[in-house]
């Protein structure tokens, strides 16, 4: 299981250890008088860095600290920009790092990589590792972490939100958190996985783990979406306190208030739309299963309904104009329906 906060801290620690190792390998620093030149340590550390083997080849590394570039910009293919109290590091042909808030750190490593922090934010961190990777943190947000690891990966955190984490780990993966929300976490693990959270909400969590997996939580507050396994999809949160969980290629959607959707298996679809609705599918075969509880845009006021399926090729529908309804299909090729009135019950096969 991925831990985005831990991953961010490890990345920051690695940067600190690297600088520390460079300082330790330069004994003259211990003898320097910092009062004479506060940047003398940088000169001595950088003097130990190896120059390109070919003196005519361009440099592809730039470090900027509090607005000061530590390498020449002439023929340098990497660019870095920093504001007062910020650090920006870019490594790689065409890499770019920008930190322009206060107390921000941006680190871009890889050809064409980009890391940006601090457009109106404070104490933000953006880490981009991999060719074409992109990390943006703290765009009008504070205390955020955006980490993109893998070729073509992207992470955006703190778009108007605070105390937010977005972590993308895998080629083509993407994670977005804190678009107008606070205390949000999104994590995408696996090739082309995608996690989104915090569109106008708060306290939302999305986690996508698996190739092509997708998790979306956060048009509301307190929503959670978990997609585990290749091509799994979980969507929660056109409302508050909803939970969607999809595993092994399932599709789960929960919206409204305190609704729960669970889908297990390819060709499984669970939808819980309303207040206190539950939809659950465990697909035991390969045929399409669908369980729907609550209602839809045409019939929105159906609450506390339950739709269950264990089998394959079955459907279960509860609610749609009624509340406190139960529809359950246990087995294959069943069609259970409890709709249009309150306290209806349809369990197949019949008891």
Foldseek 3Di string as FASTA:
>chain_A
DDDQVVVQVVVVVVVVVVLVVLLVVQVCVVVDDCVVPVCPSVVRSVVPDDDDPDNVQAAAKWKAAQQDISDDPVSHQEEEGEHHQEIFIFGERNEYEYYYAHLEYFYAHEHNEYTYEHLLEYNEYFAFAYHLEYEYEHNVEYCEYFYFHAHLEYEYEGLNEYNEYFEEHEHLEYTYENNLEYQEYEYFAYANEYEYEANNEYCEYEYFHEHCEYTYEYCYYLEYFYAEYHLGYFYEYPDHNEYTYEYANEYWYEYEANEYEYYYHRQEYEYEAYHQEYTYEDEPDHAHEYEYEAADPVQHHEDQEYEEEDYHQEYFYYESQEYCEYFYEYYHNYYTYHYNYYPYYTYPPDD
